[in-house]
Structure formats: C-alpha cells, structure tokens
Amino acid sequence: MTWWSVVRFLHVLSAALWVGGQLTVSLVVLPLARRLLDEHRRAEVLRAVGRRFGIVTAAVFLPVQLATGVALAWRKGVTWASLADPGYGRILAAKLLLFCAVMAAAGLHGWASGAARPSLARAMAVTALVGSLGVVLLATALPAT
C-alpha cells in the first residue's frame, strides 16, 4: 500500500459517507420522521439533522474531498488545459462541474430550509442528491490510467 492509496481511499471514503448520508436522510430518516412525528417535532428533528449534516459536510467531507481531489489530480498531471482532452480530462471536468452544481444546490437547500421556503428546500435537496449520484457515476467512469 502506498501513500497515494491512502489518499485515494480517503477521497472515496469521504464521498461515500457524504452521498450515503444524503441517501440515509432521504430514504430512512425523512420517511420515518413524516410517519412518526407531529409537524412541529418533525421540523425540529429534521432541522437538527440538516444542521449537523451541514456542519460535518463543511468541516470534514468538503475539505477532505478538495484536498485529496487536488492531490490526486496533481499526481496524475491534470492541468486546466487537459480538462478539455477527450476521455479522462472531459469526464473529470464534467465531474468537477457537477460537484460545483451539487455544492450550490446543497447551499441553496440550507438557505431555503432556514428561510422557511419548504418547496425550494425540497427541490434543492432532490437536486443535490441526484447530482451527487451523478458525481459518483462520473467518478466510476474515469478511465483507470
């Protein structure tokens, strides 16, 4: 095992925990909260879950993703110009653009939740989740060179 294996492991682990957390909240926590809690208690619990997940995302997942992603790209020799190259470059560029869009949607979700805009919050949560799955799909499509 090399240092770069550890860096790649941390990148993948952080992404898995982040996307897995989104799926867990959406597919497990939210349906149970809707079924078992009254409207006031549900809002309180979901606000607390969202706040905690947002803090962990900002403090752990995002810094790990950025640091390890930049390190892996540097090791692979990725340049701004190479992002236009067919194959690895274009797939990585699409992944990075989608990741930025997901971060924007997640930020808008947090804002909309705090601003009592439930329709926008829900739309941005779905957008962030679907986009996150797209990021994972693009990551798996990167050629192993």
N, C-alpha and C. Protein backbone atom coordinates (compact mmCIF):
# COMPACT_ATOMS: atom_id res chain seq x y z
N MET A 1 0.84 -1.17 0.00
CA MET A 1 0.00 0.00 0.00
C MET A 1 0.89 1.24 0.00
N THR A 2 0.54 2.19 -0.86
CA THR A 2 1.32 3.42 -0.96
C THR A 2 0.56 4.58 -0.32
N TRP A 3 1.26 5.67 -0.16
CA TRP A 3 0.65 6.91 0.33
C TRP A 3 -0.52 7.30 -0.56
N TRP A 4 -0.37 7.14 -1.87
CA TRP A 4 -1.43 7.53 -2.80
C TRP A 4 -2.65 6.63 -2.67
N SER A 5 -2.46 5.39 -2.27
CA SER A 5 -3.61 4.52 -1.99
C SER A 5 -4.42 5.07 -0.82
N VAL A 6 -3.72 5.58 0.18
CA VAL A 6 -4.39 6.17 1.34
C VAL A 6 -5.14 7.44 0.93
N VAL A 7 -4.52 8.27 0.10
CA VAL A 7 -5.17 9.49 -0.36
C VAL A 7 -6.43 9.14 -1.15
N ARG A 8 -6.32 8.18 -2.06
CA ARG A 8 -7.48 7.76 -2.86
C ARG A 8 -8.56 7.17 -1.95
N PHE A 9 -8.16 6.35 -0.96
CA PHE A 9 -9.10 5.77 -0.02
C PHE A 9 -9.86 6.87 0.72
N LEU A 10 -9.15 7.88 1.20
CA LEU A 10 -9.82 8.98 1.92
C LEU A 10 -10.79 9.73 1.01
N HIS A 11 -10.41 9.90 -0.25
CA HIS A 11 -11.28 10.58 -1.22
C HIS A 11 -12.57 9.78 -1.42
N VAL A 12 -12.42 8.50 -1.64
CA VAL A 12 -13.59 7.63 -1.87
C VAL A 12 -14.42 7.49 -0.60
N LEU A 13 -13.76 7.30 0.54
CA LEU A 13 -14.49 7.16 1.81
C LEU A 13 -15.30 8.42 2.12
N SER A 14 -14.70 9.57 1.96
CA SER A 14 -15.41 10.81 2.23
C SER A 14 -16.61 10.97 1.30
N ALA A 15 -16.43 10.67 0.03
CA ALA A 15 -17.55 10.76 -0.92
C ALA A 15 -18.65 9.77 -0.56
N ALA A 16 -18.25 8.55 -0.18
CA ALA A 16 -19.25 7.53 0.18
C ALA A 16 -20.04 7.95 1.42
N LEU A 17 -19.36 8.50 2.42
CA LEU A 17 -20.05 8.93 3.63
C LEU A 17 -20.98 10.11 3.34
N TRP A 18 -20.53 11.01 2.48
CA TRP A 18 -21.34 12.18 2.13
C TRP A 18 -22.59 11.77 1.35
N VAL A 19 -22.42 11.02 0.28
CA VAL A 19 -23.56 10.58 -0.53
C VAL A 19 -24.42 9.60 0.26
N GLY A 20 -23.77 8.70 1.01
CA GLY A 20 -24.52 7.77 1.85
C GLY A 20 -25.35 8.48 2.90
N GLY A 21 -24.80 9.56 3.45
CA GLY A 21 -25.56 10.35 4.42
C GLY A 21 -26.78 10.99 3.79
N GLN A 22 -26.62 11.50 2.58
CA GLN A 22 -27.76 12.09 1.87
C GLN A 22 -28.84 11.03 1.63
N LEU A 23 -28.40 9.85 1.19
CA LEU A 23 -29.36 8.77 0.94
C LEU A 23 -30.04 8.32 2.23
N THR A 24 -29.28 8.23 3.31
CA THR A 24 -29.85 7.80 4.59
C THR A 24 -30.90 8.79 5.08
N VAL A 25 -30.58 10.06 5.01
CA VAL A 25 -31.56 11.07 5.44
C VAL A 25 -32.80 11.01 4.55
N SER A 26 -32.61 10.92 3.24
CA SER A 26 -33.74 10.94 2.30
C SER A 26 -34.59 9.68 2.35
N LEU A 27 -33.93 8.51 2.47
CA LEU A 27 -34.66 7.25 2.36
C LEU A 27 -35.03 6.62 3.69
N VAL A 28 -34.38 7.02 4.79
CA VAL A 28 -34.64 6.40 6.09
C VAL A 28 -35.21 7.42 7.09
N VAL A 29 -34.44 8.47 7.36
CA VAL A 29 -34.81 9.42 8.40
C VAL A 29 -36.08 10.19 8.03
N LEU A 30 -36.13 10.77 6.85
CA LEU A 30 -37.27 11.59 6.44
C LEU A 30 -38.59 10.81 6.43
N PRO A 31 -38.66 9.64 5.80
CA PRO A 31 -39.94 8.91 5.84
C PRO A 31 -40.39 8.54 7.26
N LEU A 32 -39.44 8.14 8.10
CA LEU A 32 -39.80 7.80 9.49
C LEU A 32 -40.27 9.03 10.25
N ALA A 33 -39.58 10.15 10.05
CA ALA A 33 -39.99 11.38 10.72
C ALA A 33 -41.39 11.80 10.28
N ARG A 34 -41.69 11.68 9.00
CA ARG A 34 -43.02 12.02 8.50
C ARG A 34 -44.10 11.13 9.10
N ARG A 35 -43.77 9.86 9.30
CA ARG A 35 -44.76 8.90 9.79
C ARG A 35 -44.93 8.96 11.31
N LEU A 36 -43.85 9.19 12.04
CA LEU A 36 -43.90 9.05 13.49
C LEU A 36 -44.01 10.35 14.28
N LEU A 37 -43.69 11.49 13.67
CA LEU A 37 -43.65 12.73 14.42
C LEU A 37 -44.70 13.72 13.95
N ASP A 38 -45.20 14.51 14.90
CA ASP A 38 -46.12 15.59 14.52
C ASP A 38 -45.32 16.66 13.78
N GLU A 39 -46.02 17.57 13.14
CA GLU A 39 -45.38 18.54 12.25
C GLU A 39 -44.31 19.38 12.98
N HIS A 40 -44.60 19.84 14.17
CA HIS A 40 -43.65 20.67 14.91
C HIS A 40 -42.39 19.87 15.28
N ARG A 41 -42.58 18.69 15.83
CA ARG A 41 -41.43 17.86 16.24
C ARG A 41 -40.62 17.41 15.02
N ARG A 42 -41.32 17.07 13.94
CA ARG A 42 -40.64 16.66 12.70
C ARG A 42 -39.75 17.79 12.19
N ALA A 43 -40.27 19.01 12.16
CA ALA A 43 -39.49 20.15 11.69
C ALA A 43 -38.26 20.36 12.58
N GLU A 44 -38.44 20.20 13.87
CA GLU A 44 -37.34 20.37 14.82
C GLU A 44 -36.25 19.32 14.60
N VAL A 45 -36.67 18.07 14.47
CA VAL A 45 -35.70 16.98 14.27
C VAL A 45 -34.98 17.13 12.93
N LEU A 46 -35.72 17.39 11.87
CA LEU A 46 -35.11 17.49 10.55
C LEU A 46 -34.19 18.71 10.45
N ARG A 47 -34.55 19.79 11.11
CA ARG A 47 -33.68 20.96 11.14
C ARG A 47 -32.36 20.62 11.85
N ALA A 48 -32.46 19.88 12.96
CA ALA A 48 -31.25 19.48 13.70
C ALA A 48 -30.39 18.51 12.88
N VAL A 49 -31.03 17.55 12.23
CA VAL A 49 -30.29 16.60 11.38
C VAL A 49 -29.61 17.36 10.24
N GLY A 50 -30.34 18.25 9.59
CA GLY A 50 -29.77 19.02 8.49
C GLY A 50 -28.62 19.90 8.93
N ARG A 51 -28.77 20.54 10.08
CA ARG A 51 -27.71 21.41 10.60
C ARG A 51 -26.45 20.58 10.89
N ARG A 52 -26.63 19.45 11.56
CA ARG A 52 -25.48 18.59 11.90
C ARG A 52 -24.81 18.07 10.63
N PHE A 53 -25.61 17.61 9.66
CA PHE A 53 -25.04 17.09 8.42
C PHE A 53 -24.31 18.21 7.67
N GLY A 54 -24.86 19.41 7.69
CA GLY A 54 -24.21 20.55 7.04
C GLY A 54 -22.87 20.89 7.69
N ILE A 55 -22.83 20.83 9.01
CA ILE A 55 -21.58 21.12 9.73
C ILE A 55 -20.53 20.06 9.41
N VAL A 56 -20.92 18.79 9.44
CA VAL A 56 -19.97 17.72 9.13
C VAL A 56 -19.50 17.83 7.68
N THR A 57 -20.41 18.18 6.79
CA THR A 57 -20.04 18.35 5.39
C THR A 57 -19.01 19.46 5.24
N ALA A 58 -19.28 20.61 5.85
CA ALA A 58 -18.38 21.76 5.72
C ALA A 58 -17.05 21.54 6.44
N ALA A 59 -17.09 20.85 7.58
CA ALA A 59 -15.88 20.69 8.38
C ALA A 59 -15.04 19.48 8.01
N VAL A 60 -15.67 18.44 7.44
CA VAL A 60 -14.94 17.20 7.17
C VAL A 60 -15.01 16.81 5.69
N PHE A 61 -16.21 16.51 5.20
CA PHE A 61 -16.32 15.95 3.85
C PHE A 61 -15.77 16.89 2.78
N LEU A 62 -16.16 18.13 2.80
CA LEU A 62 -15.71 19.06 1.76
C LEU A 62 -14.20 19.29 1.79
N PRO A 63 -13.61 19.59 2.95
CA PRO A 63 -12.14 19.74 2.95
C PRO A 63 -11.40 18.48 2.51
N VAL A 64 -11.86 17.30 2.93
CA VAL A 64 -11.20 16.05 2.53
C VAL A 64 -11.34 15.87 1.01
N GLN A 65 -12.54 16.11 0.47
CA GLN A 65 -12.75 15.96 -0.97
C GLN A 65 -11.84 16.90 -1.75
N LEU A 66 -11.79 18.15 -1.32
CA LEU A 66 -10.98 19.13 -2.05
C LEU A 66 -9.49 18.82 -1.95
N ALA A 67 -9.01 18.55 -0.75
CA ALA A 67 -7.57 18.29 -0.57
C ALA A 67 -7.13 17.02 -1.31
N THR A 68 -7.88 15.94 -1.13
CA THR A 68 -7.48 14.69 -1.78
C THR A 68 -7.70 14.75 -3.28
N GLY A 69 -8.76 15.43 -3.72
CA GLY A 69 -9.02 15.57 -5.15
C GLY A 69 -7.92 16.35 -5.85
N VAL A 70 -7.50 17.46 -5.24
CA VAL A 70 -6.40 18.26 -5.81
C VAL A 70 -5.11 17.45 -5.81
N ALA A 71 -4.84 16.74 -4.73
CA ALA A 71 -3.61 15.93 -4.66
C ALA A 71 -3.61 14.84 -5.74
N LEU A 72 -4.74 14.16 -5.90
CA LEU A 72 -4.82 13.10 -6.91
C LEU A 72 -4.67 13.66 -8.32
N ALA A 73 -5.29 14.82 -8.57
CA ALA A 73 -5.17 15.44 -9.89
C ALA A 73 -3.73 15.87 -10.15
N TRP A 74 -3.08 16.44 -9.13
CA TRP A 74 -1.67 16.84 -9.27
C TRP A 74 -0.80 15.63 -9.61
N ARG A 75 -1.03 14.54 -8.88
CA ARG A 75 -0.23 13.33 -9.12
C ARG A 75 -0.44 12.80 -10.53
N LYS A 76 -1.66 12.91 -11.02
CA LYS A 76 -1.98 12.41 -12.35
C LYS A 76 -1.52 13.37 -13.45
N GLY A 77 -1.08 14.57 -13.06
CA GLY A 77 -0.61 15.54 -14.05
C GLY A 77 -1.73 16.32 -14.72
N VAL A 78 -2.87 16.40 -14.07
CA VAL A 78 -4.00 17.13 -14.63
C VAL A 78 -3.68 18.62 -14.63
N THR A 79 -3.94 19.26 -15.77
CA THR A 79 -3.82 20.71 -15.89
C THR A 79 -5.17 21.25 -16.34
N TRP A 80 -5.31 22.58 -16.27
CA TRP A 80 -6.57 23.17 -16.76
C TRP A 80 -6.78 22.80 -18.22
N ALA A 81 -5.73 22.82 -19.01
CA ALA A 81 -5.84 22.50 -20.44
C ALA A 81 -6.23 21.04 -20.65
N SER A 82 -5.72 20.14 -19.80
CA SER A 82 -6.01 18.72 -20.00
C SER A 82 -7.47 18.38 -19.70
N LEU A 83 -8.19 19.27 -19.03
CA LEU A 83 -9.61 19.01 -18.76
C LEU A 83 -10.45 19.03 -20.04
N ALA A 84 -9.89 19.57 -21.12
CA ALA A 84 -10.59 19.58 -22.41
C ALA A 84 -10.25 18.36 -23.26
N ASP A 85 -9.29 17.55 -22.81
CA ASP A 85 -8.90 16.36 -23.58
C ASP A 85 -10.00 15.30 -23.52
N PRO A 86 -10.20 14.60 -24.64
CA PRO A 86 -11.18 13.52 -24.64
C PRO A 86 -10.82 12.45 -23.61
N GLY A 87 -11.82 11.76 -23.11
CA GLY A 87 -11.57 10.70 -22.14
C GLY A 87 -11.47 11.24 -20.74
N TYR A 88 -10.36 10.95 -20.08
CA TYR A 88 -10.18 11.30 -18.67
C TYR A 88 -10.44 12.79 -18.40
N GLY A 89 -9.85 13.66 -19.22
CA GLY A 89 -9.97 15.10 -18.98
C GLY A 89 -11.41 15.59 -19.00
N ARG A 90 -12.16 15.22 -20.01
CA ARG A 90 -13.55 15.68 -20.13
C ARG A 90 -14.45 15.07 -19.06
N ILE A 91 -14.22 13.80 -18.74
CA ILE A 91 -15.03 13.18 -17.68
C ILE A 91 -14.74 13.85 -16.34
N LEU A 92 -13.46 14.12 -16.06
CA LEU A 92 -13.10 14.80 -14.83
C LEU A 92 -13.69 16.21 -14.81
N ALA A 93 -13.64 16.92 -15.93
CA ALA A 93 -14.22 18.26 -16.00
C ALA A 93 -15.72 18.21 -15.71
N ALA A 94 -16.41 17.24 -16.31
CA ALA A 94 -17.85 17.09 -16.05
C ALA A 94 -18.11 16.79 -14.58
N LYS A 95 -17.29 15.93 -13.98
CA LYS A 95 -17.42 15.59 -12.56
C LYS A 95 -17.23 16.84 -11.70
N LEU A 96 -16.22 17.63 -12.00
CA LEU A 96 -15.95 18.85 -11.23
C LEU A 96 -17.08 19.87 -11.37
N LEU A 97 -17.57 20.04 -12.57
CA LEU A 97 -18.68 20.98 -12.79
C LEU A 97 -19.94 20.52 -12.05
N LEU A 98 -20.23 19.23 -12.12
CA LEU A 98 -21.40 18.71 -11.42
C LEU A 98 -21.22 18.82 -9.91
N PHE A 99 -20.01 18.57 -9.42
CA PHE A 99 -19.73 18.72 -7.99
C PHE A 99 -20.00 20.16 -7.55
N CYS A 100 -19.57 21.13 -8.34
CA CYS A 100 -19.83 22.54 -8.01
C CYS A 100 -21.33 22.84 -8.00
N ALA A 101 -22.06 22.28 -8.97
CA ALA A 101 -23.51 22.48 -9.01
C ALA A 101 -24.18 21.84 -7.79
N VAL A 102 -23.70 20.67 -7.39
CA VAL A 102 -24.24 20.00 -6.20
C VAL A 102 -23.99 20.84 -4.96
N MET A 103 -22.80 21.40 -4.83
CA MET A 103 -22.49 22.25 -3.68
C MET A 103 -23.40 23.48 -3.65
N ALA A 104 -23.66 24.06 -4.82
CA ALA A 104 -24.56 25.21 -4.90
C ALA A 104 -25.98 24.80 -4.50
N ALA A 105 -26.44 23.66 -4.99
CA ALA A 105 -27.78 23.18 -4.64
C ALA A 105 -27.88 22.88 -3.15
N ALA A 106 -26.84 22.29 -2.58
CA ALA A 106 -26.84 21.99 -1.14
C ALA A 106 -26.86 23.29 -0.33
N GLY A 107 -26.10 24.27 -0.77
CA GLY A 107 -26.12 25.57 -0.09
C GLY A 107 -27.48 26.23 -0.18
N LEU A 108 -28.09 26.18 -1.35
CA LEU A 108 -29.44 26.74 -1.51
C LEU A 108 -30.46 25.98 -0.67
N HIS A 109 -30.27 24.67 -0.56
CA HIS A 109 -31.16 23.87 0.29
C HIS A 109 -31.07 24.35 1.74
N GLY A 110 -29.85 24.54 2.23
CA GLY A 110 -29.67 25.01 3.60
C GLY A 110 -30.29 26.38 3.81
N TRP A 111 -30.08 27.28 2.85
CA TRP A 111 -30.65 28.62 2.95
C TRP A 111 -32.17 28.55 2.93
N ALA A 112 -32.73 27.80 1.99
CA ALA A 112 -34.19 27.71 1.86
C ALA A 112 -34.82 27.08 3.10
N SER A 113 -34.13 26.11 3.69
CA SER A 113 -34.64 25.50 4.92
C SER A 113 -34.70 26.52 6.04
N GLY A 114 -33.66 27.30 6.18
CA GLY A 114 -33.61 28.32 7.23
C GLY A 114 -34.55 29.48 6.97
N ALA A 115 -34.87 29.74 5.71
CA ALA A 115 -35.73 30.86 5.34
C ALA A 115 -37.19 30.43 5.23
N ALA A 116 -37.50 29.23 5.70
CA ALA A 116 -38.88 28.71 5.65
C ALA A 116 -39.44 28.72 4.22
N ARG A 117 -38.65 28.20 3.29
CA ARG A 117 -39.09 28.04 1.89
C ARG A 117 -39.08 26.56 1.58
N PRO A 118 -40.07 25.79 2.09
CA PRO A 118 -40.02 24.33 2.00
C PRO A 118 -40.02 23.77 0.58
N SER A 119 -40.72 24.40 -0.33
CA SER A 119 -40.75 23.88 -1.71
C SER A 119 -39.37 23.99 -2.36
N LEU A 120 -38.73 25.15 -2.18
CA LEU A 120 -37.39 25.34 -2.74
C LEU A 120 -36.40 24.42 -2.03
N ALA A 121 -36.52 24.28 -0.71
CA ALA A 121 -35.63 23.40 0.05
C ALA A 121 -35.73 21.97 -0.45
N ARG A 122 -36.95 21.50 -0.66
CA ARG A 122 -37.15 20.13 -1.14
C ARG A 122 -36.55 19.96 -2.54
N ALA A 123 -36.81 20.93 -3.42
CA ALA A 123 -36.29 20.85 -4.79
C ALA A 123 -34.76 20.82 -4.79
N MET A 124 -34.15 21.66 -3.96
CA MET A 124 -32.69 21.70 -3.90
C MET A 124 -32.11 20.44 -3.26
N ALA A 125 -32.83 19.85 -2.30
CA ALA A 125 -32.37 18.60 -1.70
C ALA A 125 -32.36 17.48 -2.74
N VAL A 126 -33.43 17.39 -3.51
CA VAL A 126 -33.51 16.37 -4.57
C VAL A 126 -32.43 16.62 -5.62
N THR A 127 -32.26 17.89 -5.99
CA THR A 127 -31.24 18.24 -6.97
C THR A 127 -29.85 17.85 -6.48
N ALA A 128 -29.55 18.16 -5.22
CA ALA A 128 -28.23 17.82 -4.65
C ALA A 128 -28.03 16.31 -4.61
N LEU A 129 -29.07 15.57 -4.23
CA LEU A 129 -28.94 14.12 -4.14
C LEU A 129 -28.74 13.49 -5.52
N VAL A 130 -29.55 13.88 -6.49
CA VAL A 130 -29.41 13.33 -7.84
C VAL A 130 -28.05 13.73 -8.43
N GLY A 131 -27.65 14.98 -8.21
CA GLY A 131 -26.35 15.43 -8.68
C GLY A 131 -25.21 14.66 -8.03
N SER A 132 -25.34 14.38 -6.73
CA SER A 132 -24.31 13.61 -6.02
C SER A 132 -24.16 12.22 -6.63
N LEU A 133 -25.27 11.60 -6.94
CA LEU A 133 -25.21 10.29 -7.59
C LEU A 133 -24.55 10.40 -8.96
N GLY A 134 -24.80 11.51 -9.65
CA GLY A 134 -24.13 11.75 -10.93
C GLY A 134 -22.63 11.91 -10.78
N VAL A 135 -22.20 12.57 -9.72
CA VAL A 135 -20.77 12.72 -9.45
C VAL A 135 -20.13 11.35 -9.24
N VAL A 136 -20.82 10.49 -8.48
CA VAL A 136 -20.30 9.14 -8.25
C VAL A 136 -20.25 8.36 -9.57
N LEU A 137 -21.29 8.50 -10.38
CA LEU A 137 -21.30 7.82 -11.68
C LEU A 137 -20.12 8.28 -12.54
N LEU A 138 -19.90 9.58 -12.59
CA LEU A 138 -18.77 10.10 -13.38
C LEU A 138 -17.44 9.63 -12.82
N ALA A 139 -17.34 9.55 -11.50
CA ALA A 139 -16.09 9.06 -10.88
C ALA A 139 -15.80 7.63 -11.30
N THR A 140 -16.84 6.81 -11.38
CA THR A 140 -16.63 5.43 -11.78
C THR A 140 -16.33 5.31 -13.27
N ALA A 141 -16.70 6.34 -14.04
CA ALA A 141 -16.45 6.33 -15.49
C ALA A 141 -15.06 6.80 -15.85
N LEU A 142 -14.33 7.38 -14.87
CA LEU A 142 -12.96 7.85 -15.17
C LEU A 142 -12.08 6.67 -15.55
N PRO A 143 -11.41 6.75 -16.69
CA PRO A 143 -10.53 5.65 -17.10
C PRO A 143 -9.41 5.46 -16.07
N ALA A 144 -9.13 4.23 -15.74
CA ALA A 144 -8.05 3.91 -14.79
C ALA A 144 -6.75 3.85 -15.57
N THR A 145 -6.06 4.97 -15.60
CA THR A 145 -4.79 5.02 -16.35
C THR A 145 -3.64 5.25 -15.41
